[in-house]
Amino acid sequence: MQFQSQVAEQSGVQAMEWCGSHLRILDQRYLPGQQVWVECNDAAEVAEAIELGVVRGAAAVGIAAAYGIALAAQRIGHTDDWAAALEIDFTRLGRSRPSAANLAWALRIMHDRLRRPGADVPEQLAQAAISIQISDLEANRTMARLGMQLIRRHQRQSQRLMTLGNAGALAGGGYGSALGVIRAAHGAGLVEQVYACESRPGDTGEVTAWELAQDQVPVISHVDSAAGQLMRLDNPSWVVVGAERIAANGDVINTVGTYTLAVLAMHHGLRFMVVASSSTIDLTLESADELDLASEALEQGMQPLLDVTPADLIDVIVTEKGIVERPDESRIADLLSHRRLH
């Protein structure tokens, strides 16, 4: 991979840029101190960027993987059997971050395009990847509106919110899921202050604070262990987070610390909102109990990046298809039977 430094625009920053012959990814490992761009020229380099944490956020990972397949097709040029020719690339990208439900979802879309190949398959796949990115942006804006309406429904005056991890513009196609809701709420005059947990060990909360500050949203970054005390003293009304994956029963897999915030929120009477596109929901996963996160934690030196928040601690899940209050298996299934609301 070739590394290039570039100053990103102060507004509308994006996680990646499709350049036709290559993919440029903003390296989130250096944020907010430096803005370094990584140039990926093939699927293997995209997979490496995902594995190294250059690109973060489940939706952004899925979008990057889709562009990785488009790059792989460009390098092949022409073949009579596209599925066979790209099999290694699909496998390589699929293994880059298996915890992200959006990754498998995006790769399925790209694979489906190969079932009806046109005259120019590389261009067809590039357009499919672009469509995935645009669709994610549209979903984020819909979720932002729905989440903002929920916040306003419960309290019309300006209020304090808390978030963890980074579910902003850099975690997907733009605007953000959880941060999209916070941005929309701020635009509606509903935000007095945002508390952003630093979110160790990944420190993704620093990126969240950076994103919000660029949009003039009042934000304070704080150590994770201060969350309970802030809830007790400053009485925020909502905790708003994203999701890496959502099980069929509504359990949420997300940045480690989400579970702790949910328990604290319940104790202090705060509402707990999860914002994620419907592609994050994995119906093949009946509950998060099926995941072996304990083994992953051991492999990560007991510094896990993810944890599980049981559905019964969650007040509402917001998706582009609608909202699910007090999520459970039947309500999740009903949600997925609906068409998108925009």
Protein backbone atom coordinates (compact mmCIF):
# COMPACT_ATOMS: atom_id res chain seq x y z
CA MET A 1 0.00 0.00 0.00
CA GLN A 2 1.20 3.50 -0.79
CA PHE A 3 0.73 6.19 1.84
CA GLN A 4 -0.09 9.77 1.02
CA SER A 5 -0.69 12.66 3.41
CA GLN A 6 -3.41 15.11 2.60
CA VAL A 7 -5.40 17.67 4.54
CA ALA A 8 -9.04 16.65 4.44
CA GLU A 9 -11.77 19.25 4.10
CA GLN A 10 -13.00 20.67 7.38
CA SER A 11 -16.56 19.65 6.63
CA GLY A 12 -18.07 16.63 4.94
CA VAL A 13 -15.05 14.42 5.61
CA GLN A 14 -15.42 10.93 4.15
CA ALA A 15 -13.89 7.60 5.06
CA MET A 16 -12.88 6.80 1.49
CA GLU A 17 -12.85 8.06 -2.07
CA TRP A 18 -13.31 5.93 -5.19
CA CYS A 19 -10.90 7.16 -7.87
CA GLY A 20 -11.80 4.77 -10.68
CA SER A 21 -8.49 2.91 -10.78
CA HIS A 22 -7.86 2.82 -7.03
CA LEU A 23 -9.47 3.43 -3.65
CA ARG A 24 -8.24 6.11 -1.25
CA ILE A 25 -8.98 5.50 2.43
CA LEU A 26 -8.53 8.00 5.26
CA ASP A 27 -6.35 6.20 7.80
CA GLN A 28 -8.30 6.45 11.04
CA ARG A 29 -5.39 5.21 13.12
CA TYR A 30 -3.83 8.66 12.86
CA LEU A 31 -6.94 10.71 13.61
CA PRO A 32 -7.50 13.27 14.90
CA GLY A 33 -3.85 14.32 15.00
CA GLN A 34 -2.98 13.63 11.36
CA GLN A 35 -4.97 13.07 8.18
CA VAL A 36 -3.17 10.39 6.21
CA TRP A 37 -4.60 8.75 3.10
CA VAL A 38 -3.89 5.18 2.04
CA GLU A 39 -4.08 4.20 -1.63
CA CYS A 40 -5.35 0.67 -2.32
CA ASN A 41 -4.91 -0.79 -5.79
CA ASP A 42 -6.29 -4.31 -5.37
CA ALA A 43 -8.46 -6.49 -3.14
CA ALA A 44 -5.54 -7.68 -1.01
CA GLU A 45 -4.58 -4.12 -0.11
CA VAL A 46 -8.18 -3.30 0.81
CA ALA A 47 -8.35 -6.42 3.00
CA GLU A 48 -5.11 -5.40 4.70
CA ALA A 49 -6.50 -1.90 5.34
CA ILE A 50 -9.54 -3.44 7.01
CA GLU A 51 -7.46 -5.81 9.14
CA LEU A 52 -5.09 -3.05 10.29
CA GLY A 53 -7.91 -0.70 11.27
CA VAL A 54 -7.16 1.84 8.55
CA VAL A 55 -10.90 1.78 7.86
CA ARG A 56 -13.26 1.25 10.79
CA GLY A 57 -16.97 0.98 11.30
CA ALA A 58 -19.02 -1.96 10.08
CA ALA A 59 -20.68 -0.08 7.22
CA ALA A 60 -17.40 1.46 6.04
CA VAL A 61 -15.77 -1.97 6.07
CA GLY A 62 -18.54 -3.34 3.86
CA ILE A 63 -18.26 -0.45 1.42
CA ALA A 64 -14.47 -0.79 1.23
CA ALA A 65 -14.77 -4.53 0.58
CA ALA A 66 -17.20 -3.87 -2.27
CA TYR A 67 -14.68 -1.52 -3.86
CA GLY A 68 -12.02 -4.19 -3.29
CA ILE A 69 -14.00 -6.59 -5.48
CA ALA A 70 -14.34 -3.88 -8.14
CA LEU A 71 -10.55 -3.39 -8.10
CA ALA A 72 -10.00 -7.14 -8.39
CA ALA A 73 -12.26 -7.26 -11.44
CA GLN A 74 -10.35 -4.40 -13.05
CA ARG A 75 -7.07 -6.28 -12.65
CA ILE A 76 -8.57 -9.38 -14.29
CA GLY A 77 -10.06 -7.43 -17.17
CA HIS A 78 -11.92 -10.29 -18.85
CA THR A 79 -12.79 -13.90 -18.10
CA ASP A 80 -15.48 -16.40 -18.99
CA ASP A 81 -16.05 -17.31 -15.34
CA TRP A 82 -16.08 -14.26 -13.10
CA ALA A 83 -17.23 -16.09 -9.99
CA ALA A 84 -14.28 -18.48 -10.16
CA ALA A 85 -11.81 -15.74 -11.05
CA LEU A 86 -12.83 -13.62 -8.06
CA GLU A 87 -13.29 -16.44 -5.54
CA ILE A 88 -9.93 -15.83 -3.84
CA ASP A 89 -10.69 -12.12 -3.50
CA PHE A 90 -14.15 -12.73 -2.04
CA THR A 91 -12.63 -15.15 0.48
CA ARG A 92 -9.76 -12.82 1.40
CA LEU A 93 -12.05 -9.86 1.98
CA GLY A 94 -14.64 -11.95 3.82
CA ARG A 95 -12.02 -12.96 6.39
CA SER A 96 -10.76 -9.44 6.97
CA ARG A 97 -13.33 -8.62 9.68
CA PRO A 98 -15.93 -11.37 10.10
CA SER A 99 -17.61 -9.67 13.08
CA ALA A 100 -18.99 -6.93 10.80
CA ALA A 101 -22.38 -8.01 9.46
CA ASN A 102 -22.23 -5.34 6.76
CA LEU A 103 -19.12 -6.97 5.31
CA ALA A 104 -20.87 -10.23 4.47
CA TRP A 105 -23.92 -8.29 3.29
CA ALA A 106 -21.92 -6.12 0.86
CA LEU A 107 -20.00 -9.09 -0.52
CA ARG A 108 -23.29 -10.93 -1.12
CA ILE A 109 -24.53 -8.00 -3.17
CA MET A 110 -21.33 -7.98 -5.23
CA HIS A 111 -21.52 -11.74 -5.74
CA ASP A 112 -25.15 -11.47 -6.85
CA ARG A 113 -24.10 -9.03 -9.58
CA LEU A 114 -21.99 -11.79 -11.11
CA ARG A 115 -25.08 -13.93 -11.66
CA ARG A 116 -26.21 -11.53 -14.37
CA PRO A 117 -22.97 -10.21 -15.87
CA GLY A 118 -23.15 -7.48 -18.47
CA ALA A 119 -20.76 -6.54 -21.25
CA ASP A 120 -18.41 -4.68 -18.89
CA VAL A 121 -18.25 -6.58 -15.60
CA PRO A 122 -15.54 -4.42 -13.95
CA GLU A 123 -17.63 -1.30 -14.55
CA GLN A 124 -20.76 -3.14 -13.42
CA LEU A 125 -19.10 -4.07 -10.13
CA ALA A 126 -17.74 -0.55 -9.64
CA GLN A 127 -21.24 0.85 -10.04
CA ALA A 128 -22.57 -1.74 -7.58
CA ALA A 129 -20.01 -0.62 -4.99
CA ILE A 130 -20.89 3.03 -5.56
CA SER A 131 -24.56 2.16 -5.09
CA ILE A 132 -23.78 0.47 -1.77
CA GLN A 133 -22.04 3.61 -0.55
CA ILE A 134 -24.85 5.90 -1.72
CA SER A 135 -27.45 3.60 -0.17
CA ASP A 136 -25.65 3.75 3.18
CA LEU A 137 -25.60 7.55 3.10
CA GLU A 138 -29.33 7.63 2.33
CA ALA A 139 -30.01 5.15 5.13
CA ASN A 140 -28.01 7.29 7.56
CA ARG A 141 -30.06 10.37 6.75
CA THR A 142 -33.30 8.47 7.22
CA MET A 143 -32.11 7.05 10.55
CA ALA A 144 -30.98 10.52 11.63
CA ARG A 145 -34.47 11.88 11.08
CA LEU A 146 -36.15 9.00 12.90
CA GLY A 147 -33.75 9.15 15.83
CA MET A 148 -34.08 12.92 16.14
CA GLN A 149 -37.87 12.59 16.21
CA LEU A 150 -37.60 10.08 19.06
CA ILE A 151 -35.39 12.43 21.05
CA ARG A 152 -37.79 15.32 20.44
CA ARG A 153 -40.81 13.19 21.30
CA HIS A 154 -39.47 12.53 24.79
CA GLN A 155 -38.12 16.01 25.48
CA ARG A 156 -38.50 19.09 23.30
CA GLN A 157 -35.93 21.31 24.98
CA SER A 158 -32.16 21.21 24.57
CA GLN A 159 -30.61 18.22 26.34
CA ARG A 160 -27.43 16.26 26.99
CA LEU A 161 -26.54 13.09 25.07
CA MET A 162 -23.84 10.45 25.55
CA THR A 163 -22.18 8.25 22.93
CA LEU A 164 -19.38 5.70 22.64
CA GLY A 165 -17.15 4.50 19.82
CA ASN A 166 -17.42 6.10 16.40
CA ALA A 167 -20.61 5.69 14.40
CA GLY A 168 -20.10 8.83 12.36
CA ALA A 169 -19.41 9.81 8.77
CA LEU A 170 -16.09 7.96 8.86
CA ALA A 171 -17.78 4.72 9.92
CA GLY A 172 -19.85 4.40 6.76
CA GLY A 173 -20.95 6.11 3.57
CA GLY A 174 -21.21 9.52 5.22
CA TYR A 175 -23.16 11.52 7.84
CA GLY A 176 -23.18 8.67 10.36
CA SER A 177 -25.65 6.40 12.11
CA ALA A 178 -25.47 7.31 15.82
CA LEU A 179 -23.68 10.56 15.04
CA GLY A 180 -26.20 11.21 12.27
CA VAL A 181 -28.93 11.22 14.91
CA ILE A 182 -26.86 13.53 17.11
CA ARG A 183 -26.15 15.84 14.15
CA ALA A 184 -29.86 15.98 13.27
CA ALA A 185 -30.81 16.60 16.90
CA HIS A 186 -28.28 19.42 17.09
CA GLY A 187 -29.70 20.93 13.91
CA ALA A 188 -33.15 20.83 15.52
CA GLY A 189 -31.90 22.68 18.61
CA LEU A 190 -32.16 19.62 20.84
CA VAL A 191 -28.51 19.27 21.92
CA GLU A 192 -26.96 21.21 24.77
CA GLN A 193 -23.93 18.93 25.22
CA VAL A 194 -22.57 15.62 23.91
CA TYR A 195 -20.41 13.40 26.10
CA ALA A 196 -18.14 11.17 24.01
CA CYS A 197 -16.54 8.23 25.83
CA GLU A 198 -12.93 7.86 24.69
CA SER A 199 -13.69 4.20 23.93
CA ARG A 200 -10.49 2.41 24.83
CA PRO A 201 -8.65 0.38 23.66
CA GLY A 202 -9.44 1.61 20.15
CA ASP A 203 -9.80 5.27 21.20
CA THR A 204 -12.48 5.74 18.55
CA GLY A 205 -14.24 8.26 20.78
CA GLU A 206 -11.54 10.76 19.90
CA VAL A 207 -12.60 10.52 16.26
CA THR A 208 -16.22 11.05 17.33
CA ALA A 209 -15.28 14.20 19.25
CA TRP A 210 -13.28 15.41 16.25
CA GLU A 211 -16.19 14.84 13.84
CA LEU A 212 -18.69 16.62 16.08
CA ALA A 213 -16.36 19.55 16.73
CA GLN A 214 -16.04 20.10 12.98
CA ASP A 215 -19.82 20.47 12.82
CA GLN A 216 -19.82 22.91 15.77
CA VAL A 217 -21.63 20.39 17.99
CA PRO A 218 -20.66 21.00 21.66
CA VAL A 219 -18.77 17.89 22.71
CA ILE A 220 -16.64 16.77 25.64
CA SER A 221 -14.41 13.69 25.38
CA HIS A 222 -14.04 11.87 28.69
CA VAL A 223 -12.46 8.72 30.09
CA ASP A 224 -14.72 5.68 29.92
CA SER A 225 -14.70 5.20 33.69
CA ALA A 226 -16.31 8.63 34.20
CA ALA A 227 -19.52 7.69 32.37
CA GLY A 228 -21.44 6.66 35.47
CA GLN A 229 -20.48 9.77 37.40
CA LEU A 230 -21.47 11.99 34.46
CA MET A 231 -24.84 10.25 34.28
CA ARG A 232 -25.38 10.80 38.00
CA LEU A 233 -24.33 14.45 38.07
CA ASP A 234 -25.27 15.84 34.64
CA ASN A 235 -28.34 13.71 33.88
CA PRO A 236 -28.09 13.17 30.10
CA SER A 237 -31.35 11.99 28.57
CA TRP A 238 -30.10 9.47 26.00
CA VAL A 239 -27.18 7.20 25.25
CA VAL A 240 -26.89 6.90 21.45
CA VAL A 241 -24.58 4.26 19.94
CA GLY A 242 -24.07 2.32 16.72
CA ALA A 243 -23.66 -1.42 16.17
CA GLU A 244 -21.19 -3.81 14.61
CA ARG A 245 -23.80 -6.54 14.41
CA ILE A 246 -27.33 -7.16 15.69
CA ALA A 247 -28.62 -10.67 16.41
CA ALA A 248 -32.09 -11.85 15.45
CA ASN A 249 -33.29 -11.40 19.03
CA GLY A 250 -32.02 -7.81 19.27
CA ASP A 251 -28.74 -8.44 21.10
CA VAL A 252 -26.17 -5.88 19.98
CA ILE A 253 -22.48 -6.48 19.33
CA ASN A 254 -20.62 -3.19 19.40
CA THR A 255 -17.54 -1.34 20.66
CA VAL A 256 -16.49 -2.64 24.07
CA GLY A 257 -18.03 -0.53 26.79
CA THR A 258 -21.47 -0.45 25.17
CA TYR A 259 -22.73 -3.09 27.61
CA THR A 260 -21.41 -1.10 30.56
CA LEU A 261 -23.13 2.06 29.32
CA ALA A 262 -26.40 0.18 28.88
CA VAL A 263 -26.29 -1.11 32.47
CA LEU A 264 -25.44 2.35 33.78
CA ALA A 265 -28.17 3.93 31.65
CA MET A 266 -30.78 1.58 33.07
CA HIS A 267 -29.64 2.31 36.63
CA HIS A 268 -29.80 6.08 36.11
CA GLY A 269 -33.02 6.11 34.10
CA LEU A 270 -31.48 7.13 30.76
CA ARG A 271 -32.91 5.92 27.47
CA PHE A 272 -30.63 3.73 25.35
CA MET A 273 -30.75 4.01 21.54
CA VAL A 274 -28.91 1.83 19.00
CA VAL A 275 -28.70 3.23 15.47
CA ALA A 276 -27.71 0.89 12.64
CA SER A 277 -28.84 0.06 9.12
CA SER A 278 -30.90 -3.07 8.58
CA SER A 279 -27.90 -4.69 6.87
CA THR A 280 -26.31 -4.84 10.34
CA ILE A 281 -28.99 -7.31 11.48
CA ASP A 282 -27.85 -10.92 11.12
CA LEU A 283 -30.84 -13.26 11.20
CA THR A 284 -28.52 -16.29 11.08
CA LEU A 285 -27.34 -15.31 14.57
CA GLU A 286 -30.21 -16.18 16.91
CA SER A 287 -28.58 -14.45 19.86
CA ALA A 288 -25.18 -13.04 20.73
CA ASP A 289 -24.65 -16.05 23.01
CA GLU A 290 -23.64 -17.95 19.86
CA LEU A 291 -20.53 -15.80 19.52
CA ASP A 292 -17.28 -16.77 21.23
CA LEU A 293 -16.15 -13.31 22.26
CA ALA A 294 -14.37 -14.71 25.32
CA SER A 295 -11.83 -16.52 23.13
CA GLU A 296 -11.34 -13.36 21.06
CA ALA A 297 -10.72 -11.40 24.26
CA LEU A 298 -8.00 -13.85 25.28
CA GLU A 299 -6.39 -13.54 21.85
CA GLN A 300 -6.47 -9.75 22.24
CA GLY A 301 -4.68 -9.89 25.60
CA MET A 302 -7.90 -9.25 27.52
CA GLN A 303 -8.34 -5.95 25.73
CA PRO A 304 -11.38 -6.86 23.63
CA LEU A 305 -12.66 -4.49 21.00
CA LEU A 306 -16.28 -5.69 21.16
CA ASP A 307 -18.87 -6.65 23.74
CA VAL A 308 -22.50 -7.79 23.81
CA THR A 309 -25.43 -5.72 25.03
CA PRO A 310 -28.50 -7.91 25.71
CA ALA A 311 -31.70 -6.80 24.01
CA ASP A 312 -33.50 -6.26 27.30
CA LEU A 313 -31.18 -3.33 28.09
CA ILE A 314 -32.03 -1.54 24.84
CA ASP A 315 -34.95 0.90 24.62
CA VAL A 316 -34.97 1.28 20.86
CA ILE A 317 -33.15 0.21 17.70
CA VAL A 318 -33.36 2.72 14.85
CA THR A 319 -32.89 1.53 11.25
CA GLU A 320 -33.72 3.01 7.86
CA LYS A 321 -36.74 0.68 7.75
CA GLY A 322 -38.18 2.02 10.98
CA ILE A 323 -37.73 1.72 14.72
CA VAL A 324 -38.05 -1.20 17.11
CA GLU A 325 -38.87 -0.34 20.71
CA ARG A 326 -38.02 -2.97 23.33
CA PRO A 327 -36.50 -5.23 20.64
CA ASP A 328 -37.06 -8.97 20.54
CA GLU A 329 -37.08 -11.67 17.86
CA SER A 330 -40.63 -11.08 16.64
CA ARG A 331 -40.25 -7.29 16.46
CA ILE A 332 -36.94 -7.58 14.61
CA ALA A 333 -38.50 -9.99 12.10
CA ASP A 334 -41.45 -7.65 11.61
CA LEU A 335 -39.11 -4.73 10.98
CA LEU A 336 -37.22 -6.57 8.25
CA SER A 337 -40.45 -7.36 6.43
CA HIS A 338 -40.97 -3.63 5.82
CA ARG A 339 -39.63 -1.56 2.98
CA ARG A 340 -37.31 1.35 3.56
CA LEU A 341 -39.13 4.45 4.81
CA HIS A 342 -37.58 6.97 2.41
